[in-house]
Amino acid sequence: MNSSFEYQESLNSLHFTEEEKAAIARRAAEAARKQTRPARRPVRRIALIAAAAVLALAVGTAGATGILRSAAEVFSPLFGGAPAQTEIIDKIGYPVGASDTD
């Protein structure tokens, strides 16, 4: 079946007997009856989703209003303060052949 025409032809040649049609309908009705029970949503999951939504809104609002500090300000004490501390390097010495321009 290389073309959609051949595929359509093979589907058109497919026929069911009345007994087969009745069996298909009966199985479909049984499957539909089995799936009619209402879906339960666990309370714990709903509470967790609600708590996550409230937390996301709170953090987003705090960030938008400027209450939260930036990540660089929060972690600078852990990583040595200002990014350009050169006191220790200055005590050791200066690199040979280093220069800078304006």
N, C-alpha and C. Protein backbone atom coordinates (compact mmCIF):
# COMPACT_ATOMS: atom_id res chain seq x y z
N MET A 1 0.83 -1.19 0.00
CA MET A 1 0.00 0.00 0.00
C MET A 1 0.87 1.24 0.00
N ASN A 2 1.16 1.72 -1.15
CA ASN A 2 2.04 2.88 -1.27
C ASN A 2 1.29 4.18 -1.36
N SER A 3 0.02 4.14 -1.65
CA SER A 3 -0.71 5.39 -1.79
C SER A 3 -1.96 5.37 -0.92
N SER A 4 -2.48 6.54 -0.71
CA SER A 4 -3.70 6.63 0.09
C SER A 4 -4.88 6.00 -0.66
N PHE A 5 -4.82 5.98 -1.98
CA PHE A 5 -5.88 5.36 -2.77
C PHE A 5 -5.97 3.86 -2.49
N GLU A 6 -4.80 3.19 -2.45
CA GLU A 6 -4.78 1.76 -2.16
C GLU A 6 -5.29 1.49 -0.75
N TYR A 7 -4.93 2.35 0.16
CA TYR A 7 -5.38 2.21 1.55
C TYR A 7 -6.90 2.36 1.62
N GLN A 8 -7.43 3.35 0.94
CA GLN A 8 -8.88 3.59 0.92
C GLN A 8 -9.60 2.41 0.27
N GLU A 9 -9.02 1.87 -0.79
CA GLU A 9 -9.64 0.71 -1.46
C GLU A 9 -9.69 -0.49 -0.52
N SER A 10 -8.62 -0.72 0.25
CA SER A 10 -8.62 -1.87 1.15
C SER A 10 -9.63 -1.67 2.28
N LEU A 11 -9.82 -0.43 2.74
CA LEU A 11 -10.82 -0.18 3.76
C LEU A 11 -12.23 -0.33 3.20
N ASN A 12 -12.43 0.09 1.98
CA ASN A 12 -13.75 -0.05 1.35
C ASN A 12 -14.14 -1.51 1.14
N SER A 13 -13.17 -2.37 0.96
CA SER A 13 -13.46 -3.79 0.76
C SER A 13 -13.74 -4.51 2.07
N LEU A 14 -13.58 -3.85 3.17
CA LEU A 14 -13.78 -4.45 4.49
C LEU A 14 -15.26 -4.38 4.84
N HIS A 15 -15.88 -5.52 5.14
CA HIS A 15 -17.30 -5.58 5.48
C HIS A 15 -17.49 -6.47 6.69
N PHE A 16 -18.46 -6.12 7.55
CA PHE A 16 -18.78 -6.92 8.72
C PHE A 16 -20.16 -7.53 8.55
N THR A 17 -20.33 -8.73 9.09
CA THR A 17 -21.65 -9.35 9.09
C THR A 17 -22.49 -8.73 10.19
N GLU A 18 -23.78 -9.02 10.18
CA GLU A 18 -24.67 -8.47 11.20
C GLU A 18 -24.28 -8.97 12.60
N GLU A 19 -23.84 -10.23 12.70
CA GLU A 19 -23.43 -10.78 14.00
C GLU A 19 -22.18 -10.07 14.51
N GLU A 20 -21.24 -9.82 13.61
CA GLU A 20 -20.01 -9.12 14.01
C GLU A 20 -20.32 -7.69 14.45
N LYS A 21 -21.21 -7.02 13.75
CA LYS A 21 -21.61 -5.67 14.14
C LYS A 21 -22.26 -5.66 15.51
N ALA A 22 -23.12 -6.65 15.78
CA ALA A 22 -23.79 -6.73 17.08
C ALA A 22 -22.77 -7.00 18.19
N ALA A 23 -21.78 -7.86 17.91
CA ALA A 23 -20.76 -8.16 18.92
C ALA A 23 -19.91 -6.92 19.22
N ILE A 24 -19.57 -6.16 18.18
CA ILE A 24 -18.79 -4.93 18.38
C ILE A 24 -19.59 -3.94 19.23
N ALA A 25 -20.88 -3.79 18.91
CA ALA A 25 -21.73 -2.86 19.66
C ALA A 25 -21.88 -3.31 21.11
N ARG A 26 -22.04 -4.61 21.34
CA ARG A 26 -22.17 -5.14 22.70
C ARG A 26 -20.90 -4.89 23.52
N ARG A 27 -19.74 -5.15 22.92
CA ARG A 27 -18.48 -4.90 23.63
C ARG A 27 -18.28 -3.42 23.93
N ALA A 28 -18.68 -2.55 23.00
CA ALA A 28 -18.56 -1.11 23.23
C ALA A 28 -19.47 -0.67 24.36
N ALA A 29 -20.69 -1.22 24.42
CA ALA A 29 -21.61 -0.86 25.50
C ALA A 29 -21.09 -1.34 26.85
N GLU A 30 -20.52 -2.55 26.89
CA GLU A 30 -19.96 -3.07 28.15
C GLU A 30 -18.79 -2.21 28.61
N ALA A 31 -17.95 -1.82 27.68
CA ALA A 31 -16.80 -0.97 28.05
C ALA A 31 -17.26 0.39 28.55
N ALA A 32 -18.32 0.93 27.94
CA ALA A 32 -18.84 2.22 28.38
C ALA A 32 -19.44 2.11 29.77
N ARG A 33 -20.13 1.01 30.07
CA ARG A 33 -20.71 0.81 31.40
C ARG A 33 -19.63 0.69 32.47
N LYS A 34 -18.53 0.05 32.15
CA LYS A 34 -17.45 -0.12 33.12
C LYS A 34 -16.75 1.20 33.44
N GLN A 35 -16.77 2.14 32.52
CA GLN A 35 -16.05 3.40 32.71
C GLN A 35 -16.93 4.51 33.24
N THR A 36 -18.13 4.23 33.68
CA THR A 36 -19.03 5.29 34.14
C THR A 36 -18.79 5.69 35.59
N ARG A 37 -17.92 5.01 36.31
CA ARG A 37 -17.69 5.40 37.71
C ARG A 37 -17.00 6.77 37.74
N PRO A 38 -17.39 7.61 38.68
CA PRO A 38 -16.81 8.97 38.73
C PRO A 38 -15.35 8.93 39.15
N ALA A 39 -14.58 9.81 38.56
CA ALA A 39 -13.15 9.89 38.88
C ALA A 39 -12.98 10.63 40.20
N ARG A 40 -12.22 10.05 41.12
CA ARG A 40 -11.96 10.68 42.41
C ARG A 40 -10.64 11.42 42.34
N ARG A 41 -10.61 12.57 42.92
CA ARG A 41 -9.37 13.33 43.01
C ARG A 41 -8.94 13.32 44.48
N PRO A 42 -7.78 12.80 44.75
CA PRO A 42 -7.33 12.76 46.14
C PRO A 42 -7.17 14.17 46.72
N VAL A 43 -7.60 14.31 47.96
CA VAL A 43 -7.54 15.61 48.63
C VAL A 43 -6.08 16.03 48.82
N ARG A 44 -5.24 15.09 49.09
CA ARG A 44 -3.82 15.40 49.33
C ARG A 44 -3.18 16.03 48.09
N ARG A 45 -3.51 15.50 46.91
CA ARG A 45 -2.94 16.04 45.68
C ARG A 45 -3.45 17.46 45.41
N ILE A 46 -4.73 17.68 45.65
CA ILE A 46 -5.30 19.01 45.44
C ILE A 46 -4.67 20.01 46.40
N ALA A 47 -4.47 19.61 47.66
CA ALA A 47 -3.84 20.50 48.64
C ALA A 47 -2.41 20.82 48.25
N LEU A 48 -1.68 19.85 47.74
CA LEU A 48 -0.31 20.07 47.32
C LEU A 48 -0.24 21.02 46.12
N ILE A 49 -1.14 20.85 45.18
CA ILE A 49 -1.16 21.74 44.01
C ILE A 49 -1.52 23.16 44.43
N ALA A 50 -2.47 23.29 45.34
CA ALA A 50 -2.86 24.62 45.82
C ALA A 50 -1.71 25.29 46.56
N ALA A 51 -1.00 24.54 47.40
CA ALA A 51 0.13 25.10 48.14
C ALA A 51 1.24 25.54 47.19
N ALA A 52 1.50 24.75 46.15
CA ALA A 52 2.53 25.11 45.17
C ALA A 52 2.13 26.37 44.41
N ALA A 53 0.85 26.49 44.08
CA ALA A 53 0.39 27.69 43.36
C ALA A 53 0.51 28.93 44.23
N VAL A 54 0.15 28.81 45.51
CA VAL A 54 0.26 29.96 46.42
C VAL A 54 1.72 30.35 46.60
N LEU A 55 2.60 29.37 46.75
CA LEU A 55 4.03 29.67 46.91
C LEU A 55 4.60 30.33 45.67
N ALA A 56 4.22 29.85 44.50
CA ALA A 56 4.72 30.46 43.25
C ALA A 56 4.22 31.90 43.12
N LEU A 57 2.97 32.14 43.46
CA LEU A 57 2.45 33.51 43.40
C LEU A 57 3.14 34.42 44.41
N ALA A 58 3.41 33.90 45.61
CA ALA A 58 4.06 34.71 46.64
C ALA A 58 5.48 35.08 46.22
N VAL A 59 6.23 34.11 45.70
CA VAL A 59 7.61 34.38 45.28
C VAL A 59 7.61 35.31 44.08
N GLY A 60 6.69 35.11 43.15
CA GLY A 60 6.62 35.98 41.98
C GLY A 60 6.27 37.40 42.36
N THR A 61 5.34 37.57 43.29
CA THR A 61 4.96 38.91 43.73
C THR A 61 6.10 39.58 44.48
N ALA A 62 6.78 38.82 45.34
CA ALA A 62 7.90 39.39 46.09
C ALA A 62 9.04 39.79 45.15
N GLY A 63 9.29 38.98 44.14
CA GLY A 63 10.34 39.33 43.18
C GLY A 63 9.98 40.53 42.34
N ALA A 64 8.71 40.64 41.97
CA ALA A 64 8.28 41.75 41.13
C ALA A 64 8.27 43.08 41.89
N THR A 65 8.00 43.02 43.18
CA THR A 65 7.94 44.26 43.97
C THR A 65 9.30 44.67 44.50
N GLY A 66 10.33 43.84 44.37
CA GLY A 66 11.67 44.20 44.81
C GLY A 66 11.97 43.84 46.24
N ILE A 67 11.12 43.06 46.88
CA ILE A 67 11.36 42.65 48.27
C ILE A 67 12.52 41.66 48.32
N LEU A 68 12.60 40.77 47.35
CA LEU A 68 13.68 39.78 47.32
C LEU A 68 14.97 40.43 46.82
N ARG A 69 16.08 39.99 47.38
CA ARG A 69 17.38 40.47 46.90
C ARG A 69 17.81 39.62 45.71
N SER A 70 18.75 40.12 44.93
CA SER A 70 19.23 39.36 43.79
C SER A 70 20.09 38.18 44.26
N ALA A 71 20.29 37.24 43.41
CA ALA A 71 21.08 36.06 43.75
C ALA A 71 22.52 36.43 44.07
N ALA A 72 23.08 37.41 43.39
CA ALA A 72 24.46 37.84 43.66
C ALA A 72 24.58 38.41 45.07
N GLU A 73 23.59 39.15 45.51
CA GLU A 73 23.63 39.70 46.86
C GLU A 73 23.48 38.61 47.91
N VAL A 74 22.65 37.62 47.64
CA VAL A 74 22.41 36.56 48.61
C VAL A 74 23.63 35.68 48.77
N PHE A 75 24.28 35.31 47.68
CA PHE A 75 25.38 34.34 47.74
C PHE A 75 26.76 34.98 47.83
N SER A 76 26.88 36.28 47.79
CA SER A 76 28.21 36.90 47.84
C SER A 76 28.96 36.61 49.14
N PRO A 77 28.34 36.52 50.32
CA PRO A 77 29.11 36.16 51.50
C PRO A 77 29.67 34.74 51.43
N LEU A 78 28.99 33.86 50.73
CA LEU A 78 29.47 32.48 50.63
C LEU A 78 30.66 32.35 49.70
N PHE A 79 30.73 33.22 48.68
CA PHE A 79 31.77 33.10 47.69
C PHE A 79 32.79 34.23 47.73
N GLY A 80 32.97 34.86 48.86
CA GLY A 80 34.05 35.82 49.02
C GLY A 80 33.68 37.26 48.81
N GLY A 81 32.46 37.62 48.90
CA GLY A 81 32.08 39.02 48.82
C GLY A 81 32.08 39.55 47.40
N ALA A 82 32.65 40.72 47.23
CA ALA A 82 32.64 41.38 45.93
C ALA A 82 33.40 40.55 44.90
N PRO A 83 33.02 40.61 43.66
CA PRO A 83 33.64 39.74 42.66
C PRO A 83 35.09 40.09 42.33
N ALA A 84 35.56 41.30 42.62
CA ALA A 84 36.90 41.69 42.22
C ALA A 84 37.81 41.89 43.42
N GLN A 85 37.94 40.92 44.29
CA GLN A 85 38.87 41.02 45.42
C GLN A 85 40.25 40.57 44.96
N THR A 86 41.21 41.47 45.02
CA THR A 86 42.55 41.14 44.54
C THR A 86 43.61 41.38 45.61
N GLU A 87 43.21 41.51 46.88
CA GLU A 87 44.20 41.80 47.92
C GLU A 87 45.22 40.67 48.06
N ILE A 88 44.78 39.44 48.04
CA ILE A 88 45.70 38.30 48.20
C ILE A 88 46.63 38.20 47.00
N ILE A 89 46.12 38.39 45.81
CA ILE A 89 46.95 38.33 44.61
C ILE A 89 47.97 39.47 44.62
N ASP A 90 47.59 40.65 45.09
CA ASP A 90 48.52 41.77 45.16
C ASP A 90 49.66 41.49 46.14
N LYS A 91 49.41 40.77 47.22
CA LYS A 91 50.47 40.44 48.19
C LYS A 91 51.45 39.43 47.61
N ILE A 92 50.97 38.53 46.75
CA ILE A 92 51.86 37.52 46.17
C ILE A 92 52.78 38.15 45.14
N GLY A 93 52.29 38.96 44.31
CA GLY A 93 53.11 39.58 43.28
C GLY A 93 52.29 39.90 42.06
N TYR A 94 52.95 40.40 41.06
CA TYR A 94 52.28 40.77 39.82
C TYR A 94 52.71 39.83 38.71
N PRO A 95 51.84 39.53 37.78
CA PRO A 95 52.22 38.64 36.68
C PRO A 95 53.24 39.34 35.76
N VAL A 96 54.15 38.54 35.23
CA VAL A 96 55.17 39.07 34.35
C VAL A 96 54.57 39.31 32.97
N GLY A 97 54.86 40.47 32.41
CA GLY A 97 54.42 40.78 31.06
C GLY A 97 52.96 41.21 30.99
N ALA A 98 52.32 41.48 32.12
CA ALA A 98 50.92 41.92 32.07
C ALA A 98 50.84 43.40 31.84
N SER A 99 49.88 43.81 31.05
CA SER A 99 49.70 45.22 30.81
C SER A 99 48.23 45.48 30.60
N ASP A 100 47.88 46.76 30.70
CA ASP A 100 46.50 47.14 30.39
C ASP A 100 46.51 48.46 29.64
N THR A 101 45.46 48.72 28.95
CA THR A 101 45.37 49.96 28.17
C THR A 101 44.07 50.66 28.49
N ASP A 102 44.03 51.93 28.15
CA ASP A 102 42.84 52.72 28.35
C ASP A 102 41.93 52.59 27.17
